[in-house]
C-alpha atoms as a PDB file:
ATOM      1  CA  MET A   1       3.041 -20.261   1.487  1.00  0.00           C
ATOM      2  CA  TRP A   2       5.394 -19.459   4.330  1.00  0.00           C
ATOM      3  CA  PRO A   3       4.305 -20.443   7.852  1.00  0.00           C
ATOM      4  CA  VAL A   4       3.410 -17.698  10.302  1.00  0.00           C
ATOM      5  CA  SER A   5       5.750 -19.253  12.844  1.00  0.00           C
ATOM      6  CA  ALA A   6       8.713 -18.462  10.588  1.00  0.00           C
ATOM      7  CA  TRP A   7       8.398 -14.758  11.367  1.00  0.00           C
ATOM      8  CA  ARG A   8       8.467 -12.878  14.658  1.00  0.00           C
ATOM      9  CA  ASP A   9       9.111  -9.379  15.892  1.00  0.00           C
ATOM     10  CA  ASP A  10       8.784  -6.869  18.685  1.00  0.00           C
ATOM     11  CA  ASP A  11       5.987  -4.587  19.938  1.00  0.00           C
ATOM     12  CA  SER A  12       6.123  -0.850  20.352  1.00  0.00           C
ATOM     13  CA  GLY A  13       4.869   2.516  19.184  1.00  0.00           C
ATOM     14  CA  THR A  14       4.983   6.159  20.078  1.00  0.00           C
ATOM     15  CA  SER A  15       1.597   7.620  19.253  1.00  0.00           C
ATOM     16  CA  PRO A  16      -1.339   5.766  20.876  1.00  0.00           C
ATOM     17  CA  THR A  17      -3.966   8.197  19.584  1.00  0.00           C
ATOM     18  CA  THR A  18      -2.838   8.243  15.942  1.00  0.00           C
ATOM     19  CA  ARG A  19      -2.519   5.573  13.236  1.00  0.00           C
ATOM     20  CA  ARG A  20      -1.194   3.010  15.663  1.00  0.00           C
ATOM     21  CA  ALA A  21      -4.646   2.709  17.215  1.00  0.00           C
ATOM     22  CA  VAL A  22      -6.110   1.589  13.891  1.00  0.00           C
ATOM     23  CA  LEU A  23      -4.062  -1.585  14.222  1.00  0.00           C
ATOM     24  CA  GLY A  24      -6.487  -2.749  16.902  1.00  0.00           C
ATOM     25  CA  VAL A  25      -9.106  -3.340  14.216  1.00  0.00           C
ATOM     26  CA  GLY A  26      -9.211  -6.652  12.329  1.00  0.00           C
ATOM     27  CA  ALA A  27      -7.112  -8.483  14.897  1.00  0.00           C
ATOM     28  CA  SER A  28      -7.742 -11.971  13.552  1.00  0.00           C
ATOM     29  CA  LEU A  29      -5.723 -12.781  10.438  1.00  0.00           C
ATOM     30  CA  GLY A  30      -5.960 -16.418   9.472  1.00  0.00           C
ATOM     31  CA  ALA A  31      -4.151 -18.324   6.776  1.00  0.00           C
ATOM     32  CA  SER A  32      -6.704 -17.205   4.214  1.00  0.00           C
ATOM     33  CA  ALA A  33      -5.476 -13.617   4.628  1.00  0.00           C
ATOM     34  CA  LEU A  34      -1.948 -14.425   3.484  1.00  0.00           C
ATOM     35  CA  ALA A  35      -1.060 -13.270   0.001  1.00  0.00           C
ATOM     36  CA  GLY A  36       1.849 -13.150  -2.408  1.00  0.00           C
ATOM     37  CA  CYS A  37       4.436 -15.273  -0.590  1.00  0.00           C
ATOM     38  CA  VAL A  38       7.319 -15.810  -3.022  1.00  0.00           C
ATOM     39  CA  ALA A  39      10.813 -17.194  -2.570  1.00  0.00           C
ATOM     40  CA  THR A  40      13.389 -17.592  -5.329  1.00  0.00           C
ATOM     41  CA  GLY A  41      17.150 -17.842  -5.703  1.00  0.00           C
ATOM     42  CA  SER A  42      19.661 -19.836  -3.669  1.00  0.00           C
ATOM     43  CA  GLY A  43      21.843 -17.328  -1.788  1.00  0.00           C
ATOM     44  CA  PRO A  44      21.450 -15.783   1.703  1.00  0.00           C
ATOM     45  CA  ARG A  45      17.800 -14.876   2.246  1.00  0.00           C
ATOM     46  CA  VAL A  46      16.114 -11.507   2.732  1.00  0.00           C
ATOM     47  CA  ALA A  47      12.526 -11.587   4.011  1.00  0.00           C
ATOM     48  CA  VAL A  48      10.405  -8.587   2.968  1.00  0.00           C
ATOM     49  CA  LEU A  49       7.020  -7.914   4.598  1.00  0.00           C
ATOM     50  CA  SER A  50       5.311  -5.261   2.515  1.00  0.00           C
ATOM     51  CA  ALA A  51       2.196  -3.326   1.642  1.00  0.00           C
ATOM     52  CA  GLY A  52       0.050  -5.388  -0.726  1.00  0.00           C
ATOM     53  CA  SER A  53       0.077  -2.720  -3.421  1.00  0.00           C
ATOM     54  CA  LEU A  54       3.739  -3.544  -4.112  1.00  0.00           C
ATOM     55  CA  ALA A  55       3.247  -7.294  -4.609  1.00  0.00           C
ATOM     56  CA  VAL A  56       3.593  -7.345  -8.405  1.00  0.00           C
ATOM     57  CA  LEU A  57       6.389  -4.780  -8.431  1.00  0.00           C
ATOM     58  CA  PHE A  58       8.484  -6.576  -5.810  1.00  0.00           C
ATOM     59  CA  ASN A  59       7.794 -10.159  -6.903  1.00  0.00           C
ATOM     60  CA  GLU A  60       8.143  -9.666 -10.644  1.00  0.00           C
ATOM     61  CA  SER A  61      10.631  -6.802 -10.975  1.00  0.00           C
ATOM     62  CA  VAL A  62      12.499  -5.633  -7.882  1.00  0.00           C
ATOM     63  CA  GLY A  63      12.971  -9.027  -6.233  1.00  0.00           C
ATOM     64  CA  PRO A  64      14.432 -10.837  -9.269  1.00  0.00           C
ATOM     65  CA  ALA A  65      16.620  -7.837 -10.158  1.00  0.00           C
ATOM     66  CA  PHE A  66      17.868  -7.664  -6.563  1.00  0.00           C
ATOM     67  CA  GLU A  67      18.783 -11.347  -6.662  1.00  0.00           C
ATOM     68  CA  ASP A  68      20.640 -10.958  -9.949  1.00  0.00           C
ATOM     69  CA  ALA A  69      22.578  -7.942  -8.688  1.00  0.00           C
ATOM     70  CA  THR A  70      23.452  -9.163  -5.184  1.00  0.00           C
ATOM     71  CA  GLY A  71      23.227 -12.944  -4.954  1.00  0.00           C
ATOM     72  CA  TYR A  72      20.719 -12.756  -2.103  1.00  0.00           C
ATOM     73  CA  THR A  73      17.547 -14.848  -2.176  1.00  0.00           C
ATOM     74  CA  TYR A  74      14.472 -12.634  -2.062  1.00  0.00           C
ATOM     75  CA  ARG A  75      11.266 -13.632  -0.267  1.00  0.00           C
ATOM     76  CA  GLY A  76       8.205 -11.384  -0.262  1.00  0.00           C
ATOM     77  CA  GLU A  77       4.956 -11.466   1.663  1.00  0.00           C
ATOM     78  CA  PHE A  78       2.183  -8.914   1.210  1.00  0.00           C
ATOM     79  CA  HIS A  79      -0.781  -7.602   3.195  1.00  0.00           C
ATOM     80  CA  GLY A  80      -2.481  -4.298   3.875  1.00  0.00           C
ATOM     81  CA  SER A  81      -0.034  -1.979   5.665  1.00  0.00           C
ATOM     82  CA  ASN A  82      -2.138  -1.982   8.836  1.00  0.00           C
ATOM     83  CA  ALA A  83      -2.033  -5.775   8.874  1.00  0.00           C
ATOM     84  CA  VAL A  84       1.736  -5.675   8.264  1.00  0.00           C
ATOM     85  CA  MET A  85       2.246  -3.514  11.347  1.00  0.00           C
ATOM     86  CA  ARG A  86       0.028  -5.786  13.441  1.00  0.00           C
ATOM     87  CA  MET A  87       1.992  -8.861  12.402  1.00  0.00           C
ATOM     88  CA  VAL A  88       5.241  -7.201  13.427  1.00  0.00           C
ATOM     89  CA  LEU A  89       3.900  -5.795  16.696  1.00  0.00           C
ATOM     90  CA  GLU A  90       2.243  -9.071  17.695  1.00  0.00           C
ATOM     91  CA  GLU A  91       5.422 -11.039  16.904  1.00  0.00           C
ATOM     92  CA  GLN A  92       3.762 -13.117  14.196  1.00  0.00           C
ATOM     93  CA  LYS A  93       6.531 -12.153  11.758  1.00  0.00           C
ATOM     94  CA  GLN A  94      10.208 -11.282  11.903  1.00  0.00           C
ATOM     95  CA  PRO A  95      11.004  -9.686   8.557  1.00  0.00           C
ATOM     96  CA  ASP A  96      14.320  -8.232   7.511  1.00  0.00           C
ATOM     97  CA  VAL A  97      12.512  -5.356   5.764  1.00  0.00           C
ATOM     98  CA  VAL A  98       9.156  -3.716   6.503  1.00  0.00           C
ATOM     99  CA  VAL A  99       7.530  -1.585   3.793  1.00  0.00           C
ATOM    100  CA  SER A 100       4.455   0.596   4.307  1.00  0.00           C
ATOM    101  CA  ALA A 101       2.179   2.548   1.943  1.00  0.00           C
ATOM    102  CA  ASP A 102       1.789   5.160   4.704  1.00  0.00           C
ATOM    103  CA  ALA A 103       5.056   6.503   6.099  1.00  0.00           C
ATOM    104  CA  TYR A 104       3.373   7.890   9.209  1.00  0.00           C
ATOM    105  CA  LEU A 105       1.654   4.591   9.937  1.00  0.00           C
ATOM    106  CA  LEU A 106       5.015   2.806  10.061  1.00  0.00           C
ATOM    107  CA  ARG A 107       6.570   5.493  12.234  1.00  0.00           C
ATOM    108  CA  ASP A 108       3.687   5.628  14.687  1.00  0.00           C
ATOM    109  CA  ALA A 109       3.529   1.848  14.979  1.00  0.00           C
ATOM    110  CA  LEU A 110       7.180   0.758  14.996  1.00  0.00           C
ATOM    111  CA  GLN A 111       9.403   3.629  16.095  1.00  0.00           C
ATOM    112  CA  PRO A 112      11.423   3.840  18.248  1.00  0.00           C
ATOM    113  CA  ASP A 113      11.246   0.378  19.823  1.00  0.00           C
ATOM    114  CA  VAL A 114      10.996  -1.900  16.786  1.00  0.00           C
ATOM    115  CA  ALA A 115      12.883   0.343  14.331  1.00  0.00           C
ATOM    116  CA  THR A 116      14.733   3.637  14.676  1.00  0.00           C
ATOM    117  CA  TRP A 117      14.815   4.859  11.079  1.00  0.00           C
ATOM    118  CA  ASP A 118      13.100   4.680   7.707  1.00  0.00           C
ATOM    119  CA  VAL A 119      13.522   5.996   4.174  1.00  0.00           C
ATOM    120  CA  VAL A 120      10.653   7.290   2.019  1.00  0.00           C
ATOM    121  CA  PHE A 121      11.358   6.110  -1.519  1.00  0.00           C
ATOM    122  CA  ALA A 122       8.275   6.777  -3.682  1.00  0.00           C
ATOM    123  CA  SER A 123       4.726   8.028  -3.952  1.00  0.00           C
ATOM    124  CA  ASN A 124       1.687   6.721  -5.808  1.00  0.00           C
ATOM    125  CA  ALA A 125      -1.659   7.904  -7.153  1.00  0.00           C
ATOM    126  CA  VAL A 126      -5.136   6.609  -6.387  1.00  0.00           C
ATOM    127  CA  VAL A 127      -6.953   5.778  -9.649  1.00  0.00           C
ATOM    128  CA  VAL A 128     -10.032   3.940 -10.905  1.00  0.00           C
ATOM    129  CA  VAL A 129      -8.906   0.694 -12.569  1.00  0.00           C
ATOM    130  CA  TYR A 130     -11.272  -1.153 -14.881  1.00  0.00           C
ATOM    131  CA  ASN A 131     -11.732  -4.042 -17.259  1.00  0.00           C
ATOM    132  CA  PRO A 132     -12.218  -2.554 -20.748  1.00  0.00           C
ATOM    133  CA  ASP A 133     -14.441  -5.436 -21.857  1.00  0.00           C
ATOM    134  CA  THR A 134     -17.186  -4.612 -19.335  1.00  0.00           C
ATOM    135  CA  ALA A 135     -20.051  -2.134 -19.511  1.00  0.00           C
ATOM    136  CA  VAL A 136     -18.372  -0.102 -16.778  1.00  0.00           C
ATOM    137  CA  GLY A 137     -15.152  -0.053 -18.774  1.00  0.00           C
ATOM    138  CA  ALA A 138     -16.991   1.133 -21.861  1.00  0.00           C
ATOM    139  CA  ARG A 139     -18.572   3.989 -19.914  1.00  0.00           C
ATOM    140  CA  LEU A 140     -15.235   5.035 -18.464  1.00  0.00           C
ATOM    141  CA  ASP A 141     -13.594   4.837 -21.887  1.00  0.00           C
ATOM    142  CA  ALA A 142     -16.383   7.055 -23.230  1.00  0.00           C
ATOM    143  CA  GLY A 143     -15.448   9.778 -20.748  1.00  0.00           C
ATOM    144  CA  GLU A 144     -18.388   9.616 -18.353  1.00  0.00           C
ATOM    145  CA  PRO A 145     -17.587  11.089 -14.921  1.00  0.00           C
ATOM    146  CA  TRP A 146     -15.904   8.324 -12.948  1.00  0.00           C
ATOM    147  CA  TYR A 147     -17.985   8.924  -9.843  1.00  0.00           C
ATOM    148  CA  GLU A 148     -21.242   8.710 -11.793  1.00  0.00           C
ATOM    149  CA  VAL A 149     -20.151   5.438 -13.378  1.00  0.00           C
ATOM    150  CA  LEU A 150     -19.242   3.948  -9.990  1.00  0.00           C
ATOM    151  CA  ARG A 151     -22.412   5.238  -8.343  1.00  0.00           C
ATOM    152  CA  THR A 152     -24.794   3.818 -10.958  1.00  0.00           C
ATOM    153  CA  ALA A 153     -22.969   0.736 -12.268  1.00  0.00           C
ATOM    154  CA  GLU A 154     -24.901  -2.531 -12.277  1.00  0.00           C
ATOM    155  CA  ALA A 155     -21.767  -4.530 -11.530  1.00  0.00           C
ATOM    156  CA  ASP A 156     -19.415  -5.232  -8.638  1.00  0.00           C
ATOM    157  CA  ILE A 157     -16.771  -2.553  -8.096  1.00  0.00           C
ATOM    158  CA  ALA A 158     -14.194  -3.182  -5.396  1.00  0.00           C
ATOM    159  CA  ARG A 159     -12.387  -1.178  -2.750  1.00  0.00           C
ATOM    160  CA  SER A 160     -10.003  -2.446  -0.101  1.00  0.00           C
ATOM    161  CA  ASP A 161     -10.715  -2.627   3.623  1.00  0.00           C
ATOM    162  CA  PRO A 162     -10.148   0.727   5.372  1.00  0.00           C
ATOM    163  CA  ASP A 163      -9.407  -1.082   8.637  1.00  0.00           C
ATOM    164  CA  LEU A 164      -6.606  -3.135   7.076  1.00  0.00           C
ATOM    165  CA  ASP A 165      -4.682  -0.847   4.759  1.00  0.00           C
ATOM    166  CA  PRO A 166      -4.098   2.792   3.790  1.00  0.00           C
ATOM    167  CA  LEU A 167      -5.574   2.302   0.315  1.00  0.00           C
ATOM    168  CA  GLY A 168      -8.814   1.357   2.013  1.00  0.00           C
ATOM    169  CA  TYR A 169      -9.074   4.470   4.133  1.00  0.00           C
ATOM    170  CA  ARG A 170      -7.758   6.673   1.333  1.00  0.00           C
ATOM    171  CA  THR A 171     -10.605   5.371  -0.832  1.00  0.00           C
ATOM    172  CA  VAL A 172     -13.162   6.407   1.788  1.00  0.00           C
ATOM    173  CA  GLN A 173     -11.414   9.786   2.083  1.00  0.00           C
ATOM    174  CA  LEU A 174     -11.451  10.082  -1.727  1.00  0.00           C
ATOM    175  CA  PHE A 175     -15.241   9.756  -1.683  1.00  0.00           C
ATOM    176  CA  GLU A 176     -15.486  12.564   0.878  1.00  0.00           C
ATOM    177  CA  LEU A 177     -13.169  14.796  -1.145  1.00  0.00           C
ATOM    178  CA  ALA A 178     -15.027  14.006  -4.376  1.00  0.00           C
ATOM    179  CA  GLU A 179     -18.382  14.971  -2.859  1.00  0.00           C
ATOM    180  CA  ARG A 180     -17.039  18.463  -2.181  1.00  0.00           C
ATOM    181  CA  TYR A 181     -14.900  18.726  -5.330  1.00  0.00           C
ATOM    182  CA  TYR A 182     -17.787  17.925  -7.683  1.00  0.00           C
ATOM    183  CA  ASP A 183     -20.474  19.513  -5.470  1.00  0.00           C
ATOM    184  CA  GLU A 184     -22.455  16.272  -5.343  1.00  0.00           C
ATOM    185  CA  PRO A 185     -24.274  16.044  -1.961  1.00  0.00           C
ATOM    186  CA  GLY A 186     -24.617  12.452  -0.768  1.00  0.00           C
ATOM    187  CA  LEU A 187     -21.928  11.134  -3.139  1.00  0.00           C
ATOM    188  CA  ALA A 188     -19.605   9.849  -0.422  1.00  0.00           C
ATOM    189  CA  ALA A 189     -22.282   7.775   1.277  1.00  0.00           C
ATOM    190  CA  ALA A 190     -23.549   6.433  -2.047  1.00  0.00           C
ATOM    191  CA  LEU A 191     -20.077   5.276  -3.093  1.00  0.00           C
ATOM    192  CA  ARG A 192     -19.327   3.726   0.292  1.00  0.00           C
ATOM    193  CA  GLU A 193     -22.571   1.756   0.050  1.00  0.00           C
ATOM    194  CA  LYS A 194     -22.108   0.783  -3.587  1.00  0.00           C
ATOM    195  CA  LEU A 195     -18.560  -0.574  -3.636  1.00  0.00           C
ATOM    196  CA  VAL A 196     -17.691  -4.078  -2.431  1.00  0.00           C
ATOM    197  CA  VAL A 197     -14.963  -4.345   0.226  1.00  0.00           C
ATOM    198  CA  ASP A 198     -12.168  -6.811  -0.559  1.00  0.00           C
ATOM    199  CA  PRO A 199      -9.995  -7.585   2.494  1.00  0.00           C
ATOM    200  CA  GLN A 200      -6.963  -8.667   0.458  1.00  0.00           C
ATOM    201  CA  GLU A 201      -5.290  -5.633  -1.091  1.00  0.00           C
ATOM    202  CA  ALA A 202      -2.777  -7.738  -3.014  1.00  0.00           C
ATOM    203  CA  HIS A 203      -5.665  -9.525  -4.773  1.00  0.00           C
ATOM    204  CA  LEU A 204      -7.820  -6.457  -5.359  1.00  0.00           C
ATOM    205  CA  LEU A 205      -7.392  -6.447  -9.146  1.00  0.00           C
ATOM    206  CA  ALA A 206      -7.393 -10.197  -9.787  1.00  0.00           C
ATOM    207  CA  ALA A 207     -11.165 -10.270 -10.285  1.00  0.00           C
ATOM    208  CA  VAL A 208     -10.990  -7.149 -12.453  1.00  0.00           C
ATOM    209  CA  GLU A 209      -8.550  -8.928 -14.761  1.00  0.00           C
ATOM    210  CA  THR A 210     -10.936 -11.853 -15.188  1.00  0.00           C
ATOM    211  CA  GLY A 211     -14.006  -9.630 -15.583  1.00  0.00           C
ATOM    212  CA  ASP A 212     -15.677 -11.027 -12.457  1.00  0.00           C
ATOM    213  CA  ARG A 213     -15.555  -7.444 -11.197  1.00  0.00           C
ATOM    214  CA  ALA A 214     -15.808  -4.473 -13.494  1.00  0.00           C
ATOM    215  CA  ALA A 215     -13.523  -2.051 -11.681  1.00  0.00           C
ATOM    216  CA  ALA A 216     -11.757  -1.159  -8.452  1.00  0.00           C
ATOM    217  CA  VAL A 217     -10.279   1.847  -6.724  1.00  0.00           C
ATOM    218  CA  ALA A 218      -6.568   1.093  -6.531  1.00  0.00           C
ATOM    219  CA  TYR A 219      -3.100   2.571  -6.858  1.00  0.00           C
ATOM    220  CA  LYS A 220      -1.681   3.444 -10.272  1.00  0.00           C
ATOM    221  CA  ASN A 221       1.210   1.005  -9.953  1.00  0.00           C
ATOM    222  CA  MET A 222      -1.241  -1.839  -9.326  1.00  0.00           C
ATOM    223  CA  ALA A 223      -2.990  -1.045 -12.615  1.00  0.00           C
ATOM    224  CA  VAL A 224       0.351  -0.948 -14.437  1.00  0.00           C
ATOM    225  CA  GLY A 225       1.425  -4.225 -12.842  1.00  0.00           C
ATOM    226  CA  HIS A 226      -1.758  -5.959 -13.967  1.00  0.00           C
ATOM    227  CA  GLY A 227      -1.767  -4.370 -17.414  1.00  0.00           C
ATOM    228  CA  LEU A 228      -5.190  -2.795 -16.853  1.00  0.00           C
ATOM    229  CA  PRO A 229      -6.434   0.625 -18.012  1.00  0.00           C
ATOM    230  CA  TYR A 230      -7.283   3.249 -15.429  1.00  0.00           C
ATOM    231  CA  ARG A 231      -8.851   6.673 -15.056  1.00  0.00           C
ATOM    232  CA  SER A 232      -6.614   9.266 -13.457  1.00  0.00           C
ATOM    233  CA  LEU A 233      -8.090  11.596 -10.838  1.00  0.00           C
ATOM    234  CA  PRO A 234      -7.427  15.312 -10.287  1.00  0.00           C
ATOM    235  CA  PRO A 235      -4.439  16.111  -8.015  1.00  0.00           C
ATOM    236  CA  ALA A 236      -6.840  17.303  -5.300  1.00  0.00           C
ATOM    237  CA  LEU A 237      -8.248  13.763  -5.154  1.00  0.00           C
ATOM    238  CA  ASN A 238      -5.443  11.347  -6.036  1.00  0.00           C
ATOM    239  CA  PHE A 239      -3.250  11.624  -2.888  1.00  0.00           C
ATOM    240  CA  ALA A 240      -0.123  11.920  -5.046  1.00  0.00           C
ATOM    241  CA  ASP A 241       0.583  15.662  -4.844  1.00  0.00           C
ATOM    242  CA  PRO A 242       2.350  16.902  -1.679  1.00  0.00           C
ATOM    243  CA  THR A 243       1.169  20.457  -2.442  1.00  0.00           C
ATOM    244  CA  GLU A 244      -2.397  19.200  -1.879  1.00  0.00           C
ATOM    245  CA  ALA A 245      -1.602  17.847   1.582  1.00  0.00           C
ATOM    246  CA  GLU A 246      -3.925  20.328   3.283  1.00  0.00           C
ATOM    247  CA  THR A 247      -6.767  19.271   1.005  1.00  0.00           C
ATOM    248  CA  TYR A 248      -6.159  15.589   1.707  1.00  0.00           C
ATOM    249  CA  ALA A 249      -6.082  16.275   5.452  1.00  0.00           C
ATOM    250  CA  SER A 250      -9.586  17.744   5.280  1.00  0.00           C
ATOM    251  CA  ALA A 251     -10.942  14.234   4.672  1.00  0.00           C
ATOM    252  CA  THR A 252     -10.911  11.720   7.508  1.00  0.00           C
ATOM    253  CA  TYR A 253     -11.716   8.112   8.309  1.00  0.00           C
ATOM    254  CA  THR A 254     -12.699   6.916  11.778  1.00  0.00           C
ATOM    255  CA  THR A 255     -12.000   3.296  12.641  1.00  0.00           C
ATOM    256  CA  GLU A 256     -14.282   0.979  14.582  1.00  0.00           C
ATOM    257  CA  ASN A 257     -12.300   1.712  17.747  1.00  0.00           C
ATOM    258  CA  GLY A 258     -12.760   5.468  17.367  1.00  0.00           C
ATOM    259  CA  THR A 259      -9.409   6.501  15.920  1.00  0.00           C
ATOM    260  CA  THR A 260      -9.672   9.277  13.334  1.00  0.00           C
ATOM    261  CA  ILE A 261      -7.142   9.257  10.483  1.00  0.00           C
ATOM    262  CA  GLU A 262      -6.558  12.347   8.360  1.00  0.00           C
ATOM    263  CA  GLY A 263      -5.783  12.036   4.670  1.00  0.00           C
ATOM    264  CA  THR A 264      -2.120  12.247   3.695  1.00  0.00           C
ATOM    265  CA  PRO A 265      -0.147  11.985   0.451  1.00  0.00           C
ATOM    266  CA  VAL A 266       0.871   8.451  -0.475  1.00  0.00           C
ATOM    267  CA  LEU A 267       4.406   7.908   0.780  1.00  0.00           C
ATOM    268  CA  TYR A 268       6.072   4.501   0.671  1.00  0.00           C
ATOM    269  CA  ASN A 269       8.788   3.941   3.223  1.00  0.00           C
ATOM    270  CA  ALA A 270      10.988   1.059   4.276  1.00  0.00           C
ATOM    271  CA  THR A 271      12.941   0.108   7.362  1.00  0.00           C
ATOM    272  CA  VAL A 272      14.949  -2.757   8.845  1.00  0.00           C
ATOM    273  CA  PRO A 273      13.770  -3.780  12.331  1.00  0.00           C
ATOM    274  CA  THR A 274      16.384  -3.527  15.045  1.00  0.00           C
ATOM    275  CA  ASP A 275      16.163  -7.254  15.847  1.00  0.00           C
ATOM    276  CA  ALA A 276      15.945  -8.512  12.251  1.00  0.00           C
ATOM    277  CA  ASP A 277      17.594 -11.912  11.765  1.00  0.00           C
ATOM    278  CA  ARG A 278      19.473 -10.685   8.701  1.00  0.00           C
ATOM    279  CA  PRO A 279      19.892  -6.917   9.048  1.00  0.00           C
ATOM    280  CA  GLU A 280      22.680  -6.749   6.485  1.00  0.00           C
ATOM    281  CA  ALA A 281      20.403  -8.381   3.915  1.00  0.00           C
ATOM    282  CA  GLY A 282      17.610  -5.994   4.840  1.00  0.00           C
ATOM    283  CA  ARG A 283      19.837  -2.962   4.414  1.00  0.00           C
ATOM    284  CA  ALA A 284      21.054  -4.296   1.062  1.00  0.00           C
ATOM    285  CA  PHE A 285      17.462  -4.620  -0.165  1.00  0.00           C
ATOM    286  CA  VAL A 286      16.511  -1.095   0.917  1.00  0.00           C
ATOM    287  CA  ARG A 287      19.654   0.287  -0.730  1.00  0.00           C
ATOM    288  CA  PHE A 288      18.805  -1.545  -3.958  1.00  0.00           C
ATOM    289  CA  VAL A 289      15.310  -0.020  -4.001  1.00  0.00           C
ATOM    290  CA  LEU A 290      16.753   3.461  -3.453  1.00  0.00           C
ATOM    291  CA  GLU A 291      19.371   3.017  -6.175  1.00  0.00           C
ATOM    292  CA  ASN A 292      16.858   1.942  -8.834  1.00  0.00           C
ATOM    293  CA  PRO A 293      14.197   4.649  -9.147  1.00  0.00           C
ATOM    294  CA  GLY A 294      13.824   3.900 -12.844  1.00  0.00           C
ATOM    295  CA  LEU A 295      12.591   0.402 -12.017  1.00  0.00           C
ATOM    296  CA  LEU A 296       9.982   1.893  -9.698  1.00  0.00           C
ATOM    297  CA  ARG A 297       8.823   4.442 -12.281  1.00  0.00           C
ATOM    298  CA  GLU A 298       8.528   1.776 -14.978  1.00  0.00           C
ATOM    299  CA  ASN A 299       6.100  -0.023 -12.716  1.00  0.00           C
ATOM    300  CA  GLY A 300       3.845   2.955 -12.019  1.00  0.00           C
ATOM    301  CA  LEU A 301       5.253   4.526  -8.874  1.00  0.00           C
ATOM    302  CA  VAL A 302       5.958   8.251  -8.622  1.00  0.00           C
ATOM    303  CA  VAL A 303       9.622   8.974  -7.878  1.00  0.00           C
ATOM    304  CA  THR A 304      10.608  12.643  -8.044  1.00  0.00           C
ATOM    305  CA  ASP A 305      13.819  14.489  -7.270  1.00  0.00           C
ATOM    306  CA  GLY A 306      12.489  14.832  -3.714  1.00  0.00           C
ATOM    307  CA  PHE A 307      13.214  11.145  -3.020  1.00  0.00           C
ATOM    308  CA  PRO A 308      14.672   9.421  -1.137  1.00  0.00           C
ATOM    309  CA  ARG A 309      13.739  11.113   2.150  1.00  0.00           C
ATOM    310  CA  PRO A 310      15.624   9.684   5.133  1.00  0.00           C
ATOM    311  CA  HIS A 311      14.085   9.815   8.607  1.00  0.00           C
ATOM    312  CA  GLY A 312      15.970   9.006  11.807  1.00  0.00           C
ATOM    313  CA  ASP A 313      19.485   7.625  12.083  1.00  0.00           C
ATOM    314  CA  VAL A 314      19.737   5.743   8.783  1.00  0.00           C
ATOM    315  CA  PRO A 315      22.629   3.214   8.950  1.00  0.00           C
ATOM    316  CA  GLN A 316      25.722   3.709   6.842  1.00  0.00           C
ATOM    317  CA  GLY A 317      25.476   1.850   3.560  1.00  0.00           C
ATOM    318  CA  VAL A 318      21.726   2.299   3.046  1.00  0.00           C
ATOM    319  CA  LEU A 319      21.872   5.684   1.340  1.00  0.00           C
ATOM    320  CA  ALA A 320      24.152   6.031  -1.661  1.00  0.00           C
END
């Protein structure tokens, strides 16, 4: 595990009433919250601080491939995106690359003072991931409505913390959308009450793999990375279809400090902080991600012809 003191960064933001305000929730992140710290290779280092949903993809596929192609040493650390932004803003970390599962969260929190640009490189879909050897898995395999299985299951089903990461608040928004989509009054509240909150997004599926939990609401790429089956959701519910953006926005989540977040399509973006210790390494990593969409698709991410999407003054050498 890498010490917190090894990372530092700067504070800023441009939108105090939007996603940045959610970062005030869950301020205390002890050592037990750290997840997925990996360092390999022997060349110049690149430190990547990323959304937890990319832990398997980056540590097992992108990171090693990046090392082989460039000679850099890759190091990854993973948390919920909200926690990632807090660590950067509170100067607990000084990464060379910051990656978020919510493009607007990163922009609201870090731009323009910590970073001046970003590139959106992929999307993802919210799905229901399950262990096929459990009673819940058998019901899902049999085609029962996913929401009825989750609502009535006599087993632990997990969701991530909506005050720590976008997957968490998208899950709550999914419940709201599903209540209307299926015309099931009271469904959202029932699902919120039923599911167990796991504060570590990167570990969300570990207990599903072992069977200690029957299922979890997660991203598609997380299911692929763990080799677990999943139930896909309709485009109006899965946060993967930009044409459904208006539908997603009709569902909201309000944090403990009163900030209301509207639903948005899943958009992963990356940036290199202005005061990164190794900005050239950071830019090389972002470029590698952009140049290898096939690697992202193989691991469950959605990469269409609409990517990459640059935002701000992207440095020369990042975009092909």
